[in-house]
Amino acid sequence: MDAVRLPGTAAAEAARRERATGLHARLSVLSKQITPAYNEWSRLNNVGARPEAWAEVLTQLAVLHEESAALYEELTGAEPELADEHRDSAEQARRNSASNREHAELLVATAEAAPANTSSSEGTR
């Protein structure tokens, strides 16, 4: 009925659905990158890797989560009936990104401080 009263409504709805489908496809690609990155972080943790290596993976994860958040925000317009869920997902992705960045920064700071602590403790022996 809307198509009769409002010409172009059907085309606009089809375009919105197509846009949402594209955004979901991009989210799927990101998801397929996030899982292996978390697996790599876990592997590095298990083998006692250098903190800089952990930080690199966490920074990569932060970027992927930021991209996910942006896509979820776009989905709020493409799928207004699911806007609340998409906003929640975007917020969670932003929290994940911030947490990963903070952890990466702490790892780098710890790694940078470690040589200074080692040399100063060696000087007191």
PDB file of N, CA and C in Angstrom:
ATOM      1  N   MET A   1       0.819  -1.186   0.000  1.00  0.00           N
ATOM      2  CA  MET A   1       0.000   0.000   0.000  1.00  0.00           C
ATOM      3  C   MET A   1       0.870   1.261   0.000  1.00  0.00           C
ATOM      4  N   ASP A   2       1.974   1.270   0.792  1.00  0.00           N
ATOM      5  CA  ASP A   2       2.854   2.431   0.809  1.00  0.00           C
ATOM      6  C   ASP A   2       3.436   2.704  -0.566  1.00  0.00           C
ATOM      7  N   ALA A   3       3.701   1.633  -1.331  1.00  0.00           N
ATOM      8  CA  ALA A   3       4.269   1.810  -2.668  1.00  0.00           C
ATOM      9  C   ALA A   3       3.310   2.560  -3.577  1.00  0.00           C
ATOM     10  N   VAL A   4       2.018   2.392  -3.353  1.00  0.00           N
ATOM     11  CA  VAL A   4       1.024   3.107  -4.150  1.00  0.00           C
ATOM     12  C   VAL A   4       0.945   4.564  -3.695  1.00  0.00           C
ATOM     13  N   ARG A   5       0.887   4.784  -2.381  1.00  0.00           N
ATOM     14  CA  ARG A   5       0.775   6.146  -1.850  1.00  0.00           C
ATOM     15  C   ARG A   5       2.082   6.907  -1.964  1.00  0.00           C
ATOM     16  N   LEU A   6       3.178   6.224  -1.747  1.00  0.00           N
ATOM     17  CA  LEU A   6       4.488   6.876  -1.742  1.00  0.00           C
ATOM     18  C   LEU A   6       5.403   6.193  -2.756  1.00  0.00           C
ATOM     19  N   PRO A   7       5.346   6.632  -4.005  1.00  0.00           N
ATOM     20  CA  PRO A   7       6.216   6.011  -5.005  1.00  0.00           C
ATOM     21  C   PRO A   7       7.679   6.136  -4.576  1.00  0.00           C
ATOM     22  N   GLY A   8       8.430   5.093  -4.787  1.00  0.00           N
ATOM     23  CA  GLY A   8       9.838   5.094  -4.394  1.00  0.00           C
ATOM     24  C   GLY A   8      10.082   4.442  -3.055  1.00  0.00           C
ATOM     25  N   THR A   9       9.017   4.188  -2.295  1.00  0.00           N
ATOM     26  CA  THR A   9       9.166   3.559  -0.993  1.00  0.00           C
ATOM     27  C   THR A   9       9.768   2.163  -1.130  1.00  0.00           C
ATOM     28  N   ALA A  10       9.293   1.402  -2.081  1.00  0.00           N
ATOM     29  CA  ALA A  10       9.802   0.045  -2.286  1.00  0.00           C
ATOM     30  C   ALA A  10      11.281   0.085  -2.660  1.00  0.00           C
ATOM     31  N   ALA A  11      11.640   1.035  -3.523  1.00  0.00           N
ATOM     32  CA  ALA A  11      13.042   1.157  -3.934  1.00  0.00           C
ATOM     33  C   ALA A  11      13.916   1.586  -2.758  1.00  0.00           C
ATOM     34  N   ALA A  12      13.414   2.496  -1.945  1.00  0.00           N
ATOM     35  CA  ALA A  12      14.175   2.946  -0.773  1.00  0.00           C
ATOM     36  C   ALA A  12      14.365   1.804   0.219  1.00  0.00           C
ATOM     37  N   GLU A  13      13.315   1.011   0.425  1.00  0.00           N
ATOM     38  CA  GLU A  13      13.405  -0.132   1.333  1.00  0.00           C
ATOM     39  C   GLU A  13      14.405  -1.161   0.810  1.00  0.00           C
ATOM     40  N   ALA A  14      14.370  -1.404  -0.484  1.00  0.00           N
ATOM     41  CA  ALA A  14      15.311  -2.354  -1.090  1.00  0.00           C
ATOM     42  C   ALA A  14      16.752  -1.849  -0.943  1.00  0.00           C
ATOM     43  N   ALA A  15      16.948  -0.553  -1.131  1.00  0.00           N
ATOM     44  CA  ALA A  15      18.288   0.029  -0.984  1.00  0.00           C
ATOM     45  C   ALA A  15      18.763  -0.087   0.466  1.00  0.00           C
ATOM     46  N   ARG A  16      17.851   0.148   1.412  1.00  0.00           N
ATOM     47  CA  ARG A  16      18.199   0.032   2.836  1.00  0.00           C
ATOM     48  C   ARG A  16      18.594  -1.398   3.172  1.00  0.00           C
ATOM     49  N   ARG A  17      17.828  -2.363   2.667  1.00  0.00           N
ATOM     50  CA  ARG A  17      18.150  -3.775   2.922  1.00  0.00           C
ATOM     51  C   ARG A  17      19.487  -4.155   2.282  1.00  0.00           C
ATOM     52  N   GLU A  18      19.725  -3.645   1.089  1.00  0.00           N
ATOM     53  CA  GLU A  18      20.990  -3.934   0.410  1.00  0.00           C
ATOM     54  C   GLU A  18      22.165  -3.349   1.193  1.00  0.00           C
ATOM     55  N   ARG A  19      21.979  -2.134   1.688  1.00  0.00           N
ATOM     56  CA  ARG A  19      23.030  -1.501   2.505  1.00  0.00           C
ATOM     57  C   ARG A  19      23.291  -2.321   3.767  1.00  0.00           C
ATOM     58  N   ALA A  20      22.230  -2.760   4.435  1.00  0.00           N
ATOM     59  CA  ALA A  20      22.375  -3.570   5.649  1.00  0.00           C
ATOM     60  C   ALA A  20      23.101  -4.877   5.338  1.00  0.00           C
ATOM     61  N   THR A  21      22.763  -5.492   4.231  1.00  0.00           N
ATOM     62  CA  THR A  21      23.425  -6.749   3.837  1.00  0.00           C
ATOM     63  C   THR A  21      24.924  -6.523   3.639  1.00  0.00           C
ATOM     64  N   GLY A  22      25.272  -5.420   3.003  1.00  0.00           N
ATOM     65  CA  GLY A  22      26.692  -5.095   2.807  1.00  0.00           C
ATOM     66  C   GLY A  22      27.416  -4.850   4.122  1.00  0.00           C
ATOM     67  N   LEU A  23      26.755  -4.167   5.039  1.00  0.00           N
ATOM     68  CA  LEU A  23      27.363  -3.904   6.353  1.00  0.00           C
ATOM     69  C   LEU A  23      27.553  -5.205   7.133  1.00  0.00           C
ATOM     70  N   HIS A  24      26.570  -6.084   7.068  1.00  0.00           N
ATOM     71  CA  HIS A  24      26.700  -7.378   7.746  1.00  0.00           C
ATOM     72  C   HIS A  24      27.843  -8.192   7.135  1.00  0.00           C
ATOM     73  N   ALA A  25      28.007  -8.110   5.830  1.00  0.00           N
ATOM     74  CA  ALA A  25      29.108  -8.830   5.170  1.00  0.00           C
ATOM     75  C   ALA A  25      30.451  -8.288   5.657  1.00  0.00           C
ATOM     76  N   ARG A  26      30.553  -6.976   5.789  1.00  0.00           N
ATOM     77  CA  ARG A  26      31.804  -6.384   6.291  1.00  0.00           C
ATOM     78  C   ARG A  26      32.057  -6.785   7.745  1.00  0.00           C
ATOM     79  N   LEU A  27      30.988  -6.850   8.558  1.00  0.00           N
ATOM     80  CA  LEU A  27      31.138  -7.314   9.942  1.00  0.00           C
ATOM     81  C   LEU A  27      31.606  -8.766   9.984  1.00  0.00           C
ATOM     82  N   SER A  28      31.114  -9.564   9.089  1.00  0.00           N
ATOM     83  CA  SER A  28      31.520 -10.969   9.033  1.00  0.00           C
ATOM     84  C   SER A  28      33.013 -11.085   8.731  1.00  0.00           C
ATOM     85  N   VAL A  29      33.493 -10.267   7.809  1.00  0.00           N
ATOM     86  CA  VAL A  29      34.923 -10.270   7.480  1.00  0.00           C
ATOM     87  C   VAL A  29      35.736  -9.866   8.709  1.00  0.00           C
ATOM     88  N   LEU A  30      35.294  -8.822   9.410  1.00  0.00           N
ATOM     89  CA  LEU A  30      36.005  -8.387  10.620  1.00  0.00           C
ATOM     90  C   LEU A  30      36.006  -9.483  11.678  1.00  0.00           C
ATOM     91  N   SER A  31      34.888 -10.138  11.848  1.00  0.00           N
ATOM     92  CA  SER A  31      34.795 -11.222  12.828  1.00  0.00           C
ATOM     93  C   SER A  31      35.797 -12.317  12.507  1.00  0.00           C
ATOM     94  N   LYS A  32      35.956 -12.593  11.236  1.00  0.00           N
ATOM     95  CA  LYS A  32      36.902 -13.629  10.814  1.00  0.00           C
ATOM     96  C   LYS A  32      38.352 -13.187  11.021  1.00  0.00           C
ATOM     97  N   GLN A  33      38.581 -11.903  11.219  1.00  0.00           N
ATOM     98  CA  GLN A  33      39.919 -11.400  11.539  1.00  0.00           C
ATOM     99  C   GLN A  33      40.119 -11.308  13.054  1.00  0.00           C
ATOM    100  N   ILE A  34      39.058 -11.007  13.778  1.00  0.00           N
ATOM    101  CA  ILE A  34      39.153 -10.840  15.231  1.00  0.00           C
ATOM    102  C   ILE A  34      39.466 -12.168  15.916  1.00  0.00           C
ATOM    103  N   THR A  35      38.777 -13.225  15.536  1.00  0.00           N
ATOM    104  CA  THR A  35      38.977 -14.520  16.205  1.00  0.00           C
ATOM    105  C   THR A  35      40.415 -15.002  16.107  1.00  0.00           C
ATOM    106  N   PRO A  36      41.021 -15.014  14.923  1.00  0.00           N
ATOM    107  CA  PRO A  36      42.426 -15.447  14.865  1.00  0.00           C
ATOM    108  C   PRO A  36      43.373 -14.517  15.635  1.00  0.00           C
ATOM    109  N   ALA A  37      43.049 -13.234  15.680  1.00  0.00           N
ATOM    110  CA  ALA A  37      43.902 -12.304  16.430  1.00  0.00           C
ATOM    111  C   ALA A  37      43.849 -12.625  17.925  1.00  0.00           C
ATOM    112  N   TYR A  38      42.656 -12.930  18.443  1.00  0.00           N
ATOM    113  CA  TYR A  38      42.565 -13.350  19.846  1.00  0.00           C
ATOM    114  C   TYR A  38      43.299 -14.666  20.068  1.00  0.00           C
ATOM    115  N   ASN A  39      43.197 -15.570  19.118  1.00  0.00           N
ATOM    116  CA  ASN A  39      43.931 -16.843  19.224  1.00  0.00           C
ATOM    117  C   ASN A  39      45.434 -16.604  19.248  1.00  0.00           C
ATOM    118  N   GLU A  40      45.910 -15.661  18.440  1.00  0.00           N
ATOM    119  CA  GLU A  40      47.334 -15.320  18.424  1.00  0.00           C
ATOM    120  C   GLU A  40      47.740 -14.704  19.754  1.00  0.00           C
ATOM    121  N   TRP A  41      46.917 -13.834  20.297  1.00  0.00           N
ATOM    122  CA  TRP A  41      47.226 -13.232  21.600  1.00  0.00           C
ATOM    123  C   TRP A  41      47.335 -14.322  22.662  1.00  0.00           C
ATOM    124  N   SER A  42      46.420 -15.259  22.627  1.00  0.00           N
ATOM    125  CA  SER A  42      46.440 -16.365  23.589  1.00  0.00           C
ATOM    126  C   SER A  42      47.700 -17.212  23.412  1.00  0.00           C
ATOM    127  N   ARG A  43      48.060 -17.482  22.164  1.00  0.00           N
ATOM    128  CA  ARG A  43      49.268 -18.267  21.885  1.00  0.00           C
ATOM    129  C   ARG A  43      50.504 -17.538  22.421  1.00  0.00           C
ATOM    130  N   LEU A  44      50.575 -16.234  22.167  1.00  0.00           N
ATOM    131  CA  LEU A  44      51.721 -15.450  22.654  1.00  0.00           C
ATOM    132  C   LEU A  44      51.778 -15.479  24.177  1.00  0.00           C
ATOM    133  N   ASN A  45      50.640 -15.427  24.800  1.00  0.00           N
ATOM    134  CA  ASN A  45      50.561 -15.483  26.247  1.00  0.00           C
ATOM    135  C   ASN A  45      51.093 -16.826  26.757  1.00  0.00           C
ATOM    136  N   ASN A  46      50.706 -17.895  26.080  1.00  0.00           N
ATOM    137  CA  ASN A  46      51.105 -19.243  26.513  1.00  0.00           C
ATOM    138  C   ASN A  46      52.591 -19.529  26.315  1.00  0.00           C
ATOM    139  N   VAL A  47      53.200 -18.891  25.322  1.00  0.00           N
ATOM    140  CA  VAL A  47      54.624 -19.159  25.068  1.00  0.00           C
ATOM    141  C   VAL A  47      55.523 -18.134  25.738  1.00  0.00           C
ATOM    142  N   GLY A  48      54.938 -17.201  26.475  1.00  0.00           N
ATOM    143  CA  GLY A  48      55.743 -16.202  27.180  1.00  0.00           C
ATOM    144  C   GLY A  48      56.437 -15.237  26.237  1.00  0.00           C
ATOM    145  N   ALA A  49      55.742 -14.797  25.224  1.00  0.00           N
ATOM    146  CA  ALA A  49      56.310 -13.881  24.233  1.00  0.00           C
ATOM    147  C   ALA A  49      56.641 -12.526  24.842  1.00  0.00           C
ATOM    148  N   ARG A  50      57.433 -11.768  24.100  1.00  0.00           N
ATOM    149  CA  ARG A  50      57.788 -10.410  24.520  1.00  0.00           C
ATOM    150  C   ARG A  50      56.524  -9.557  24.640  1.00  0.00           C
ATOM    151  N   PRO A  51      56.473  -8.663  25.609  1.00  0.00           N
ATOM    152  CA  PRO A  51      55.307  -7.787  25.773  1.00  0.00           C
ATOM    153  C   PRO A  51      54.998  -6.974  24.511  1.00  0.00           C
ATOM    154  N   GLU A  52      56.030  -6.599  23.770  1.00  0.00           N
ATOM    155  CA  GLU A  52      55.805  -5.824  22.545  1.00  0.00           C
ATOM    156  C   GLU A  52      54.990  -6.627  21.520  1.00  0.00           C
ATOM    157  N   ALA A  53      55.219  -7.931  21.474  1.00  0.00           N
ATOM    158  CA  ALA A  53      54.453  -8.784  20.553  1.00  0.00           C
ATOM    159  C   ALA A  53      52.985  -8.835  20.979  1.00  0.00           C
ATOM    160  N   TRP A  54      52.752  -8.961  22.271  1.00  0.00           N
ATOM    161  CA  TRP A  54      51.367  -8.934  22.775  1.00  0.00           C
ATOM    162  C   TRP A  54      50.716  -7.603  22.433  1.00  0.00           C
ATOM    163  N   ALA A  55      51.461  -6.527  22.681  1.00  0.00           N
ATOM    164  CA  ALA A  55      50.922  -5.186  22.437  1.00  0.00           C
ATOM    165  C   ALA A  55      50.561  -4.996  20.970  1.00  0.00           C
ATOM    166  N   GLU A  56      51.353  -5.541  20.091  1.00  0.00           N
ATOM    167  CA  GLU A  56      51.074  -5.419  18.652  1.00  0.00           C
ATOM    168  C   GLU A  56      49.739  -6.088  18.309  1.00  0.00           C
ATOM    169  N   VAL A  57      49.525  -7.279  18.829  1.00  0.00           N
ATOM    170  CA  VAL A  57      48.275  -7.987  18.562  1.00  0.00           C
ATOM    171  C   VAL A  57      47.096  -7.251  19.208  1.00  0.00           C
ATOM    172  N   LEU A  58      47.273  -6.763  20.407  1.00  0.00           N
ATOM    173  CA  LEU A  58      46.193  -6.025  21.077  1.00  0.00           C
ATOM    174  C   LEU A  58      45.849  -4.736  20.334  1.00  0.00           C
ATOM    175  N   THR A  59      46.845  -4.078  19.779  1.00  0.00           N
ATOM    176  CA  THR A  59      46.598  -2.871  18.995  1.00  0.00           C
ATOM    177  C   THR A  59      45.825  -3.225  17.725  1.00  0.00           C
ATOM    178  N   GLN A  60      46.197  -4.333  17.095  1.00  0.00           N
ATOM    179  CA  GLN A  60      45.469  -4.801  15.918  1.00  0.00           C
ATOM    180  C   GLN A  60      44.009  -5.092  16.286  1.00  0.00           C
ATOM    181  N   LEU A  61      43.802  -5.744  17.418  1.00  0.00           N
ATOM    182  CA  LEU A  61      42.440  -6.031  17.874  1.00  0.00           C
ATOM    183  C   LEU A  61      41.660  -4.745  18.142  1.00  0.00           C
ATOM    184  N   ALA A  62      42.321  -3.761  18.724  1.00  0.00           N
ATOM    185  CA  ALA A  62      41.649  -2.487  18.998  1.00  0.00           C
ATOM    186  C   ALA A  62      41.153  -1.848  17.707  1.00  0.00           C
ATOM    187  N   VAL A  63      41.973  -1.887  16.685  1.00  0.00           N
ATOM    188  CA  VAL A  63      41.583  -1.322  15.390  1.00  0.00           C
ATOM    189  C   VAL A  63      40.392  -2.082  14.813  1.00  0.00           C
ATOM    190  N   LEU A  64      40.436  -3.400  14.884  1.00  0.00           N
ATOM    191  CA  LEU A  64      39.327  -4.213  14.366  1.00  0.00           C
ATOM    192  C   LEU A  64      38.031  -3.926  15.130  1.00  0.00           C
ATOM    193  N   HIS A  65      38.124  -3.767  16.441  1.00  0.00           N
ATOM    194  CA  HIS A  65      36.930  -3.452  17.233  1.00  0.00           C
ATOM    195  C   HIS A  65      36.398  -2.049  16.909  1.00  0.00           C
ATOM    196  N   GLU A  66      37.298  -1.097  16.659  1.00  0.00           N
ATOM    197  CA  GLU A  66      36.859   0.246  16.269  1.00  0.00           C
ATOM    198  C   GLU A  66      36.101   0.189  14.945  1.00  0.00           C
ATOM    199  N   GLU A  67      36.619  -0.589  13.995  1.00  0.00           N
ATOM    200  CA  GLU A  67      35.940  -0.741  12.715  1.00  0.00           C
ATOM    201  C   GLU A  67      34.568  -1.392  12.908  1.00  0.00           C
ATOM    202  N   SER A  68      34.500  -2.377  13.780  1.00  0.00           N
ATOM    203  CA  SER A  68      33.215  -3.029  14.066  1.00  0.00           C
ATOM    204  C   SER A  68      32.226  -2.027  14.655  1.00  0.00           C
ATOM    205  N   ALA A  69      32.690  -1.215  15.584  1.00  0.00           N
ATOM    206  CA  ALA A  69      31.814  -0.213  16.201  1.00  0.00           C
ATOM    207  C   ALA A  69      31.246   0.727  15.146  1.00  0.00           C
ATOM    208  N   ALA A  70      32.081   1.163  14.229  1.00  0.00           N
ATOM    209  CA  ALA A  70      31.613   2.061  13.169  1.00  0.00           C
ATOM    210  C   ALA A  70      30.562   1.379  12.299  1.00  0.00           C
ATOM    211  N   LEU A  71      30.771   0.118  11.987  1.00  0.00           N
ATOM    212  CA  LEU A  71      29.792  -0.614  11.168  1.00  0.00           C
ATOM    213  C   LEU A  71      28.475  -0.795  11.911  1.00  0.00           C
ATOM    214  N   TYR A  72      28.550  -1.109  13.201  1.00  0.00           N
ATOM    215  CA  TYR A  72      27.316  -1.240  13.985  1.00  0.00           C
ATOM    216  C   TYR A  72      26.568   0.091  14.040  1.00  0.00           C
ATOM    217  N   GLU A  73      27.289   1.188  14.145  1.00  0.00           N
ATOM    218  CA  GLU A  73      26.637   2.504  14.141  1.00  0.00           C
ATOM    219  C   GLU A  73      25.930   2.736  12.810  1.00  0.00           C
ATOM    220  N   GLU A  74      26.573   2.352  11.709  1.00  0.00           N
ATOM    221  CA  GLU A  74      25.928   2.486  10.399  1.00  0.00           C
ATOM    222  C   GLU A  74      24.679   1.612  10.313  1.00  0.00           C
ATOM    223  N   LEU A  75      24.739   0.455  10.941  1.00  0.00           N
ATOM    224  CA  LEU A  75      23.586  -0.445  10.911  1.00  0.00           C
ATOM    225  C   LEU A  75      22.372   0.130  11.645  1.00  0.00           C
ATOM    226  N   THR A  76      22.594   1.038  12.584  1.00  0.00           N
ATOM    227  CA  THR A  76      21.444   1.625  13.280  1.00  0.00           C
ATOM    228  C   THR A  76      20.531   2.347  12.298  1.00  0.00           C
ATOM    229  N   GLY A  77      21.115   2.918  11.252  1.00  0.00           N
ATOM    230  CA  GLY A  77      20.305   3.584  10.231  1.00  0.00           C
ATOM    231  C   GLY A  77      19.779   2.622   9.183  1.00  0.00           C
ATOM    232  N   ALA A  78      20.573   1.609   8.892  1.00  0.00           N
ATOM    233  CA  ALA A  78      20.167   0.648   7.863  1.00  0.00           C
ATOM    234  C   ALA A  78      19.121  -0.331   8.374  1.00  0.00           C
ATOM    235  N   GLU A  79      19.127  -0.571   9.667  1.00  0.00           N
ATOM    236  CA  GLU A  79      18.144  -1.467  10.282  1.00  0.00           C
ATOM    237  C   GLU A  79      17.562  -0.797  11.527  1.00  0.00           C
ATOM    238  N   PRO A  80      16.737   0.223  11.323  1.00  0.00           N
ATOM    239  CA  PRO A  80      16.230   0.983  12.476  1.00  0.00           C
ATOM    240  C   PRO A  80      15.444   0.126  13.461  1.00  0.00           C
ATOM    241  N   GLU A  81      14.863  -0.952  12.980  1.00  0.00           N
ATOM    242  CA  GLU A  81      14.112  -1.825  13.897  1.00  0.00           C
ATOM    243  C   GLU A  81      15.050  -2.552  14.870  1.00  0.00           C
ATOM    244  N   LEU A  82      16.321  -2.596  14.562  1.00  0.00           N
ATOM    245  CA  LEU A  82      17.319  -3.230  15.435  1.00  0.00           C
ATOM    246  C   LEU A  82      18.332  -2.220  15.978  1.00  0.00           C
ATOM    247  N   ALA A  83      17.968  -0.950  15.922  1.00  0.00           N
ATOM    248  CA  ALA A  83      18.912   0.111  16.290  1.00  0.00           C
ATOM    249  C   ALA A  83      19.452  -0.047  17.707  1.00  0.00           C
ATOM    250  N   ASP A  84      18.600  -0.396  18.659  1.00  0.00           N
ATOM    251  CA  ASP A  84      19.073  -0.543  20.044  1.00  0.00           C
ATOM    252  C   ASP A  84      20.125  -1.639  20.161  1.00  0.00           C
ATOM    253  N   GLU A  85      19.878  -2.765  19.511  1.00  0.00           N
ATOM    254  CA  GLU A  85      20.840  -3.869  19.560  1.00  0.00           C
ATOM    255  C   GLU A  85      22.153  -3.468  18.900  1.00  0.00           C
ATOM    256  N   HIS A  86      22.046  -2.745  17.776  1.00  0.00           N
ATOM    257  CA  HIS A  86      23.266  -2.323  17.078  1.00  0.00           C
ATOM    258  C   HIS A  86      24.043  -1.297  17.891  1.00  0.00           C
ATOM    259  N   ARG A  87      23.337  -0.403  18.571  1.00  0.00           N
ATOM    260  CA  ARG A  87      24.029   0.571  19.440  1.00  0.00           C
ATOM    261  C   ARG A  87      24.743  -0.147  20.583  1.00  0.00           C
ATOM    262  N   ASP A  88      24.092  -1.143  21.162  1.00  0.00           N
ATOM    263  CA  ASP A  88      24.723  -1.926  22.231  1.00  0.00           C
ATOM    264  C   ASP A  88      25.980  -2.626  21.717  1.00  0.00           C
ATOM    265  N   SER A  89      25.882  -3.198  20.528  1.00  0.00           N
ATOM    266  CA  SER A  89      27.041  -3.884  19.943  1.00  0.00           C
ATOM    267  C   SER A  89      28.168  -2.896  19.650  1.00  0.00           C
ATOM    268  N   ALA A  90      27.808  -1.714  19.178  1.00  0.00           N
ATOM    269  CA  ALA A  90      28.818  -0.686  18.902  1.00  0.00           C
ATOM    270  C   ALA A  90      29.515  -0.273  20.195  1.00  0.00           C
ATOM    271  N   GLU A  91      28.734  -0.093  21.246  1.00  0.00           N
ATOM    272  CA  GLU A  91      29.315   0.302  22.531  1.00  0.00           C
ATOM    273  C   GLU A  91      30.239  -0.793  23.070  1.00  0.00           C
ATOM    274  N   GLN A  92      29.826  -2.033  22.950  1.00  0.00           N
ATOM    275  CA  GLN A  92      30.672  -3.142  23.399  1.00  0.00           C
ATOM    276  C   GLN A  92      31.970  -3.185  22.596  1.00  0.00           C
ATOM    277  N   ALA A  93      31.875  -2.976  21.303  1.00  0.00           N
ATOM    278  CA  ALA A  93      33.079  -2.971  20.461  1.00  0.00           C
ATOM    279  C   ALA A  93      34.007  -1.823  20.866  1.00  0.00           C
ATOM    280  N   ARG A  94      33.430  -0.656  21.174  1.00  0.00           N
ATOM    281  CA  ARG A  94      34.271   0.469  21.628  1.00  0.00           C
ATOM    282  C   ARG A  94      34.938   0.154  22.964  1.00  0.00           C
ATOM    283  N   ARG A  95      34.193  -0.497  23.874  1.00  0.00           N
ATOM    284  CA  ARG A  95      34.811  -0.887  25.160  1.00  0.00           C
ATOM    285  C   ARG A  95      35.946  -1.886  24.935  1.00  0.00           C
ATOM    286  N   ASN A  96      35.724  -2.847  24.058  1.00  0.00           N
ATOM    287  CA  ASN A  96      36.778  -3.823  23.748  1.00  0.00           C
ATOM    288  C   ASN A  96      38.000  -3.131  23.171  1.00  0.00           C
ATOM    289  N   SER A  97      37.768  -2.194  22.277  1.00  0.00           N
ATOM    290  CA  SER A  97      38.873  -1.463  21.664  1.00  0.00           C
ATOM    291  C   SER A  97      39.662  -0.689  22.718  1.00  0.00           C
ATOM    292  N   ALA A  98      38.958   0.028  23.570  1.00  0.00           N
ATOM    293  CA  ALA A  98      39.627   0.823  24.610  1.00  0.00           C
ATOM    294  C   ALA A  98      40.410  -0.074  25.561  1.00  0.00           C
ATOM    295  N   SER A  99      39.827  -1.196  25.935  1.00  0.00           N
ATOM    296  CA  SER A  99      40.504  -2.126  26.836  1.00  0.00           C
ATOM    297  C   SER A  99      41.765  -2.688  26.192  1.00  0.00           C
ATOM    298  N   ASN A 100      41.661  -3.079  24.935  1.00  0.00           N
ATOM    299  CA  ASN A 100      42.833  -3.618  24.235  1.00  0.00           C
ATOM    300  C   ASN A 100      43.926  -2.571  24.100  1.00  0.00           C
ATOM    301  N   ARG A 101      43.536  -1.326  23.769  1.00  0.00           N
ATOM    302  CA  ARG A 101      44.541  -0.258  23.646  1.00  0.00           C
ATOM    303  C   ARG A 101      45.216   0.011  24.993  1.00  0.00           C
ATOM    304  N   GLU A 102      44.428   0.067  26.049  1.00  0.00           N
ATOM    305  CA  GLU A 102      44.986   0.324  27.370  1.00  0.00           C
ATOM    306  C   GLU A 102      45.958  -0.786  27.776  1.00  0.00           C
ATOM    307  N   HIS A 103      45.558  -2.021  27.534  1.00  0.00           N
ATOM    308  CA  HIS A 103      46.421  -3.158  27.867  1.00  0.00           C
ATOM    309  C   HIS A 103      47.709  -3.101  27.052  1.00  0.00           C
ATOM    310  N   ALA A 104      47.593  -2.773  25.761  1.00  0.00           N
ATOM    311  CA  ALA A 104      48.775  -2.671  24.903  1.00  0.00           C
ATOM    312  C   ALA A 104      49.725  -1.583  25.408  1.00  0.00           C
ATOM    313  N   GLU A 105      49.160  -0.447  25.794  1.00  0.00           N
ATOM    314  CA  GLU A 105      49.992   0.648  26.309  1.00  0.00           C
ATOM    315  C   GLU A 105      50.707   0.237  27.589  1.00  0.00           C
ATOM    316  N   LEU A 106      50.028  -0.477  28.466  1.00  0.00           N
ATOM    317  CA  LEU A 106      50.651  -0.944  29.707  1.00  0.00           C
ATOM    318  C   LEU A 106      51.777  -1.936  29.412  1.00  0.00           C
ATOM    319  N   LEU A 107      51.549  -2.820  28.454  1.00  0.00           N
ATOM    320  CA  LEU A 107      52.587  -3.790  28.087  1.00  0.00           C
ATOM    321  C   LEU A 107      53.826  -3.094  27.543  1.00  0.00           C
ATOM    322  N   VAL A 108      53.621  -2.098  26.696  1.00  0.00           N
ATOM    323  CA  VAL A 108      54.756  -1.363  26.129  1.00  0.00           C
ATOM    324  C   VAL A 108      55.484  -0.598  27.225  1.00  0.00           C
ATOM    325  N   ALA A 109      54.737   0.049  28.108  1.00  0.00           N
ATOM    326  CA  ALA A 109      55.359   0.803  29.202  1.00  0.00           C
ATOM    327  C   ALA A 109      56.157  -0.126  30.110  1.00  0.00           C
ATOM    328  N   THR A 110      55.612  -1.297  30.382  1.00  0.00           N
ATOM    329  CA  THR A 110      56.312  -2.272  31.218  1.00  0.00           C
ATOM    330  C   THR A 110      57.587  -2.744  30.533  1.00  0.00           C
ATOM    331  N   ALA A 111      57.490  -3.004  29.236  1.00  0.00           N
ATOM    332  CA  ALA A 111      58.661  -3.463  28.486  1.00  0.00           C
ATOM    333  C   ALA A 111      59.747  -2.384  28.448  1.00  0.00           C
ATOM    334  N   GLU A 112      59.328  -1.137  28.288  1.00  0.00           N
ATOM    335  CA  GLU A 112      60.298  -0.042  28.254  1.00  0.00           C
ATOM    336  C   GLU A 112      60.935   0.178  29.616  1.00  0.00           C
ATOM    337  N   ALA A 113      60.186  -0.048  30.682  1.00  0.00           N
ATOM    338  CA  ALA A 113      60.709   0.151  32.026  1.00  0.00           C
ATOM    339  C   ALA A 113      61.606  -1.003  32.458  1.00  0.00           C
ATOM    340  N   ALA A 114      61.398  -2.184  31.914  1.00  0.00           N
ATOM    341  CA  ALA A 114      62.146  -3.370  32.337  1.00  0.00           C
ATOM    342  C   ALA A 114      63.653  -3.221  32.173  1.00  0.00           C
ATOM    343  N   PRO A 115      64.171  -2.752  31.035  1.00  0.00           N
ATOM    344  CA  PRO A 115      65.632  -2.607  30.922  1.00  0.00           C
ATOM    345  C   PRO A 115      66.191  -1.612  31.929  1.00  0.00           C
ATOM    346  N   ALA A 116      65.442  -0.540  32.195  1.00  0.00           N
ATOM    347  CA  ALA A 116      65.908   0.452  33.171  1.00  0.00           C
ATOM    348  C   ALA A 116      65.967  -0.170  34.558  1.00  0.00           C
ATOM    349  N   ASN A 117      64.981  -0.986  34.899  1.00  0.00           N
ATOM    350  CA  ASN A 117      64.972  -1.643  36.197  1.00  0.00           C
ATOM    351  C   ASN A 117      66.092  -2.663  36.297  1.00  0.00           C
ATOM    352  N   THR A 118      66.352  -3.369  35.212  1.00  0.00           N
ATOM    353  CA  THR A 118      67.415  -4.379  35.221  1.00  0.00           C
ATOM    354  C   THR A 118      68.773  -3.720  35.406  1.00  0.00           C
ATOM    355  N   SER A 119      69.027  -2.648  34.656  1.00  0.00           N
ATOM    356  CA  SER A 119      70.333  -2.012  34.762  1.00  0.00           C
ATOM    357  C   SER A 119      70.528  -1.350  36.119  1.00  0.00           C
ATOM    358  N   SER A 120      69.469  -0.798  36.683  1.00  0.00           N
ATOM    359  CA  SER A 120      69.637  -0.158  37.985  1.00  0.00           C
ATOM    360  C   SER A 120      69.815  -1.197  39.086  1.00  0.00           C
ATOM    361  N   SER A 121      69.145  -2.353  38.945  1.00  0.00           N
ATOM    362  CA  SER A 121      69.311  -3.379  39.971  1.00  0.00           C
ATOM    363  C   SER A 121      70.682  -4.035  39.848  1.00  0.00           C
ATOM    364  N   GLU A 122      71.195  -4.102  38.623  1.00  0.00           N
ATOM    365  CA  GLU A 122      72.535  -4.677  38.450  1.00  0.00           C
ATOM    366  C   GLU A 122      73.583  -3.750  39.064  1.00  0.00           C
ATOM    367  N   GLY A 123      73.317  -2.452  39.003  1.00  0.00           N
ATOM    368  CA  GLY A 123      74.264  -1.498  39.563  1.00  0.00           C
ATOM    369  C   GLY A 123      74.321  -1.550  41.079  1.00  0.00           C
ATOM    370  N   THR A 124      73.314  -2.092  41.734  1.00  0.00           N
ATOM    371  CA  THR A 124      73.314  -2.139  43.181  1.00  0.00           C
ATOM    372  C   THR A 124      73.856  -3.440  43.707  1.00  0.00           C
ATOM    373  N   ARG A 125      74.145  -4.375  42.821  1.00  0.00           N
ATOM    374  CA  ARG A 125      74.669  -5.677  43.289  1.00  0.00           C
ATOM    375  C   ARG A 125      76.099  -5.610  43.674  1.00  0.00           C
TER     376      ARG A 125
END
